[in-house]
Amino acid sequence: MRLTRLCVVLLAAFACVGGARAGNATDGLTPGQLLAQARGMFPLERMEVTGTLETAEARGMNATVRPYALTLDWSGGVPKADCRLFRAEGDAAPILHAELTRRAGKPALALIAADGTRTEGVRLNLPVGESDLTWMDLAFDYLWWPEVRRLAEGESSEGERVNGRSCVVLEAKAPAPAPGLGAVRLWLDKGTGSLLQTQQLDETGRPTRLMWVQKVGREEGRWVPRLFRVRRAGVRRETSLRVKSVRSQGFAVGDSHE
């Protein structure tokens, strides 16, 4: 199945793997309540995701392919995501190992060296490896930003519909603006409250980066994202995040399902 213009962050997509609630879930909710509802759609079960993170310039020039292993565990007292990026398939030691945690609603990123030494307080808007995927994508950070407003109808140049679905459009302002990051716009399905699209804006309100789902598949009654694309404005390079397997206690999708 091919979805056009459907932009979504990685964790948002896996939050919807189990399906969203039926009914009009956004009626009567404030912008802050809408974000809280979206946060509540995170999968509580521990999930292990593997695949490849690929970057390539125009026409596939100078491509790099890095296998990754991502463990998501939002069920404990401290939500955690562990990400390992490898130089090549079959390597035992990662070239990049990071741990994302969230305590009292605040994210923290640490890089872990081969000897176990930790570098704490790494900025979330830094890229993952050579790609245009950022740690903010994996932290799903903007769902906790306190300053959020609902856009008026017609205010967004992207409209209020995504893949035929009517949406509520929110704009969350970054608590600590950084170069290239001033706010994030989010499209939430009016019927389910699910996050369907995101758009990163710089300090002047100009779009700087998009992430969209290009392929999904239905496995054992669940929608599973298979291929993500990331593109940064003004850069002739595209990042692809391919999902090979998704496993949890009650669900497993492997390479044979592609």
Protein backbone atom coordinates (compact mmCIF):
# COMPACT_ATOMS: atom_id res chain seq x y z
CA MET A 1 0.00 0.00 0.00
CA ARG A 2 1.43 3.40 -0.98
CA LEU A 3 0.52 6.50 1.03
CA THR A 4 1.24 9.91 -0.49
CA ARG A 5 1.99 12.97 1.62
CA LEU A 6 1.55 10.96 4.82
CA CYS A 7 4.23 12.32 7.14
CA VAL A 8 4.70 10.79 10.55
CA VAL A 9 7.47 10.27 13.06
CA LEU A 10 8.75 6.83 13.74
CA LEU A 11 7.27 6.29 17.18
CA ALA A 12 3.93 7.68 16.06
CA ALA A 13 3.74 5.05 13.38
CA PHE A 14 4.51 2.23 15.81
CA ALA A 15 2.08 3.68 18.32
CA CYS A 16 -0.61 3.04 15.73
CA VAL A 17 0.51 -0.52 14.96
CA GLY A 18 -2.14 -1.86 17.31
CA GLY A 19 -4.87 0.29 15.80
CA ALA A 20 -6.60 3.43 17.06
CA ARG A 21 -9.94 3.86 18.77
CA ALA A 22 -13.07 4.28 16.71
CA GLY A 23 -15.31 7.35 16.94
CA ASN A 24 -14.67 11.09 16.79
CA ALA A 25 -11.91 11.30 19.37
CA THR A 26 -11.02 14.99 18.97
CA ASP A 27 -14.36 16.69 19.66
CA GLY A 28 -14.33 19.14 22.56
CA LEU A 29 -10.64 18.69 23.42
CA THR A 30 -8.19 21.54 23.92
CA PRO A 31 -4.85 21.49 22.04
CA GLY A 32 -3.08 20.30 25.18
CA GLN A 33 -5.62 17.52 25.67
CA LEU A 34 -5.18 16.44 22.06
CA LEU A 35 -1.43 16.06 22.56
CA ALA A 36 -2.02 14.12 25.79
CA GLN A 37 -4.37 11.80 23.93
CA ALA A 38 -1.75 11.21 21.23
CA ARG A 39 0.85 10.43 23.90
CA GLY A 40 -1.55 7.87 25.32
CA MET A 41 -1.40 5.93 22.05
CA PHE A 42 2.21 4.88 22.64
CA PRO A 43 2.55 1.08 22.69
CA LEU A 44 2.89 -0.12 26.27
CA GLU A 45 4.38 -3.45 25.25
CA ARG A 46 8.13 -3.74 24.72
CA MET A 47 8.89 -3.71 21.00
CA GLU A 48 12.03 -4.60 19.06
CA VAL A 49 12.45 -3.15 15.59
CA THR A 50 15.23 -3.89 13.08
CA GLY A 51 16.00 -2.61 9.61
CA THR A 52 18.33 -0.31 7.71
CA LEU A 53 18.93 3.44 7.76
CA GLU A 54 19.94 4.56 4.27
CA THR A 55 21.07 7.90 2.84
CA ALA A 56 21.64 8.75 -0.81
CA GLU A 57 22.09 11.83 -2.93
CA ALA A 58 20.17 12.43 -6.15
CA ARG A 59 19.91 9.33 -8.37
CA GLY A 60 21.25 7.12 -5.60
CA MET A 61 24.78 8.56 -5.62
CA ASN A 62 27.05 8.17 -2.55
CA ALA A 63 24.61 5.87 -0.78
CA THR A 64 25.23 4.51 2.71
CA VAL A 65 23.33 1.64 4.33
CA ARG A 66 23.48 1.17 8.09
CA PRO A 67 21.63 -1.67 9.85
CA TYR A 68 19.90 -0.62 13.08
CA ALA A 69 18.26 -2.23 16.10
CA LEU A 70 15.70 -0.21 18.06
CA THR A 71 14.11 -1.32 21.33
CA LEU A 72 11.09 0.67 22.55
CA ASP A 73 9.91 0.18 26.11
CA TRP A 74 7.34 2.69 27.37
CA SER A 75 5.77 0.34 29.92
CA GLY A 76 8.06 0.97 32.89
CA GLY A 77 8.41 3.88 35.26
CA VAL A 78 10.96 5.53 32.95
CA PRO A 79 10.06 5.27 29.23
CA LYS A 80 13.13 4.25 27.27
CA ALA A 81 14.31 3.76 23.69
CA ASP A 82 17.61 2.05 22.93
CA CYS A 83 19.07 2.55 19.45
CA ARG A 84 22.11 0.83 17.94
CA LEU A 85 23.48 1.65 14.49
CA PHE A 86 25.92 -0.75 12.81
CA ARG A 87 28.43 -0.23 10.01
CA ALA A 88 27.41 -3.38 8.14
CA GLU A 89 25.04 -6.34 8.38
CA GLY A 90 26.27 -8.94 10.84
CA ASP A 91 28.50 -6.62 12.87
CA ALA A 92 28.35 -7.27 16.61
CA ALA A 93 29.62 -3.89 17.80
CA PRO A 94 27.59 -0.76 16.91
CA ILE A 95 29.22 2.37 15.51
CA LEU A 96 26.59 4.41 17.35
CA HIS A 97 24.71 3.49 20.53
CA ALA A 98 22.20 5.86 22.09
CA GLU A 99 19.67 5.71 24.91
CA LEU A 100 16.63 7.98 25.06
CA THR A 101 14.73 8.29 28.34
CA ARG A 102 11.94 10.51 29.63
CA ARG A 103 11.68 11.45 33.28
CA ALA A 104 8.88 13.69 34.55
CA GLY A 105 8.02 14.56 30.96
CA LYS A 106 11.55 15.71 30.08
CA PRO A 107 13.66 13.85 27.46
CA ALA A 108 17.30 12.93 27.91
CA LEU A 109 19.69 11.56 25.30
CA ALA A 110 22.92 9.75 26.14
CA LEU A 111 25.53 8.33 23.75
CA ILE A 112 27.23 5.17 24.97
CA ALA A 113 30.81 4.29 23.97
CA ALA A 114 32.09 0.76 23.42
CA ASP A 115 33.60 0.71 26.94
CA GLY A 116 30.28 1.78 28.47
CA THR A 117 31.24 5.42 28.99
CA ARG A 118 28.18 7.65 28.72
CA THR A 119 27.96 11.15 27.26
CA GLU A 120 24.86 12.72 28.77
CA GLY A 121 22.84 15.74 27.68
CA VAL A 122 23.22 15.30 23.91
CA ARG A 123 20.97 17.66 21.91
CA LEU A 124 17.88 16.03 20.41
CA ASN A 125 17.94 18.00 17.16
CA LEU A 126 21.23 16.39 16.07
CA PRO A 127 21.09 13.92 13.15
CA VAL A 128 21.30 10.16 13.61
CA GLY A 129 24.54 9.08 11.92
CA GLU A 130 24.88 10.42 8.36
CA SER A 131 21.10 10.71 7.94
CA ASP A 132 18.55 13.53 8.18
CA LEU A 133 16.61 11.59 10.82
CA THR A 134 17.04 13.30 14.20
CA TRP A 135 16.92 12.07 17.77
CA MET A 136 13.87 14.30 18.24
CA ASP A 137 12.02 11.94 15.87
CA LEU A 138 12.79 8.98 18.09
CA ALA A 139 12.09 10.87 21.31
CA PHE A 140 8.70 12.07 19.98
CA ASP A 141 9.59 15.16 21.98
CA TYR A 142 7.05 17.68 20.67
CA LEU A 143 4.10 15.77 22.14
CA TRP A 144 5.26 17.12 25.52
CA TRP A 145 5.78 20.75 24.50
CA PRO A 146 3.51 22.92 26.68
CA GLU A 147 2.88 25.81 24.26
CA VAL A 148 0.53 24.49 21.59
CA ARG A 149 -2.28 26.05 19.56
CA ARG A 150 -4.87 24.88 17.08
CA LEU A 151 -4.54 26.35 13.60
CA ALA A 152 -7.59 27.99 12.04
CA GLU A 153 -9.08 26.38 8.96
CA GLY A 154 -7.06 27.43 5.92
CA GLU A 155 -4.12 28.72 7.98
CA SER A 156 -1.84 25.86 6.92
CA SER A 157 -0.69 25.75 3.30
CA GLU A 158 -0.81 21.95 3.56
CA GLY A 159 -4.56 21.98 4.23
CA GLU A 160 -6.49 19.99 6.81
CA ARG A 161 -6.73 16.62 5.05
CA VAL A 162 -4.10 13.89 4.91
CA ASN A 163 -4.60 10.90 2.63
CA GLY A 164 -8.32 11.66 2.50
CA ARG A 165 -8.70 11.96 6.27
CA SER A 166 -9.99 15.14 7.92
CA CYS A 167 -7.54 16.41 10.53
CA VAL A 168 -7.09 18.82 13.40
CA VAL A 169 -3.88 20.81 12.79
CA LEU A 170 -1.81 21.88 15.79
CA GLU A 171 1.38 23.89 16.10
CA ALA A 172 3.65 23.17 19.06
CA LYS A 173 6.34 25.75 19.83
CA ALA A 174 9.76 24.47 20.82
CA PRO A 175 10.45 25.28 24.51
CA ALA A 176 14.09 26.03 23.62
CA PRO A 177 14.34 27.02 19.93
CA ALA A 178 17.49 25.80 18.16
CA PRO A 179 18.93 26.48 14.70
CA GLY A 180 16.41 25.10 12.21
CA LEU A 181 13.83 24.30 14.89
CA GLY A 182 11.19 26.75 16.07
CA ALA A 183 8.00 24.68 16.02
CA VAL A 184 6.40 21.49 14.75
CA ARG A 185 3.00 21.20 13.09
CA LEU A 186 1.00 18.05 13.69
CA TRP A 187 -1.99 16.66 11.81
CA LEU A 188 -4.26 14.55 14.05
CA ASP A 189 -7.03 12.43 12.57
CA LYS A 190 -10.34 13.90 13.76
CA GLY A 191 -11.91 10.47 14.06
CA THR A 192 -9.21 8.67 16.02
CA GLY A 193 -6.82 11.30 17.36
CA SER A 194 -3.92 9.51 15.67
CA LEU A 195 -0.95 11.51 14.43
CA LEU A 196 -0.87 11.38 10.61
CA GLN A 197 1.59 14.07 9.55
CA THR A 198 4.30 16.31 10.97
CA GLN A 199 6.19 19.28 9.59
CA GLN A 200 9.22 20.87 11.23
CA LEU A 201 9.47 24.67 11.04
CA ASP A 202 12.46 26.92 11.66
CA GLU A 203 12.48 30.04 13.83
CA THR A 204 10.82 32.08 11.04
CA GLY A 205 8.07 29.53 10.39
CA ARG A 206 9.64 28.15 7.21
CA PRO A 207 9.34 24.35 6.68
CA THR A 208 12.74 22.71 7.11
CA ARG A 209 12.18 18.95 7.15
CA LEU A 210 9.58 16.33 6.26
CA MET A 211 9.20 12.67 7.16
CA TRP A 212 6.63 10.52 5.42
CA VAL A 213 5.60 6.88 5.29
CA GLN A 214 5.89 5.45 1.79
CA LYS A 215 4.97 1.82 2.38
CA VAL A 216 2.88 0.04 4.99
CA GLY A 217 1.60 -3.52 5.19
CA ARG A 218 -1.18 -5.25 7.05
CA GLU A 219 0.15 -8.16 9.10
CA GLU A 220 -1.93 -10.28 11.48
CA GLY A 221 -4.62 -7.59 11.57
CA ARG A 222 -2.22 -4.71 12.27
CA TRP A 223 -0.83 -1.93 10.07
CA VAL A 224 2.97 -2.06 10.07
CA PRO A 225 5.12 0.73 8.57
CA ARG A 226 7.71 -0.64 6.16
CA LEU A 227 9.47 2.31 4.55
CA PHE A 228 9.96 5.91 5.70
CA ARG A 229 11.49 8.78 3.73
CA VAL A 230 13.04 11.88 5.25
CA ARG A 231 13.96 15.00 3.27
CA ARG A 232 15.47 18.22 4.50
CA ALA A 233 14.74 21.46 2.64
CA GLY A 234 17.53 22.66 0.37
CA VAL A 235 19.49 19.39 0.51
CA ARG A 236 19.80 17.02 -2.46
CA ARG A 237 19.79 13.97 -0.25
CA GLU A 238 17.11 11.59 0.94
CA THR A 239 17.06 9.36 3.99
CA SER A 240 15.19 6.06 3.95
CA LEU A 241 14.32 4.08 7.07
CA ARG A 242 13.43 0.51 6.16
CA VAL A 243 11.68 -1.72 8.69
CA LYS A 244 12.58 -5.41 8.38
CA SER A 245 11.07 -6.82 11.56
CA VAL A 246 8.80 -5.76 14.42
CA ARG A 247 8.54 -8.02 17.45
CA SER A 248 6.76 -7.82 20.78
CA GLN A 249 5.37 -10.32 23.27
CA GLY A 250 2.23 -10.94 21.25
CA PHE A 251 3.22 -9.87 17.75
CA ALA A 252 6.02 -10.60 15.28
CA VAL A 253 6.59 -9.56 11.69
CA GLY A 254 9.78 -10.69 9.98
CA ASP A 255 11.57 -10.32 6.66
CA SER A 256 9.43 -12.97 5.01
CA HIS A 257 6.41 -10.65 5.13
CA GLU A 258 7.92 -7.97 2.90
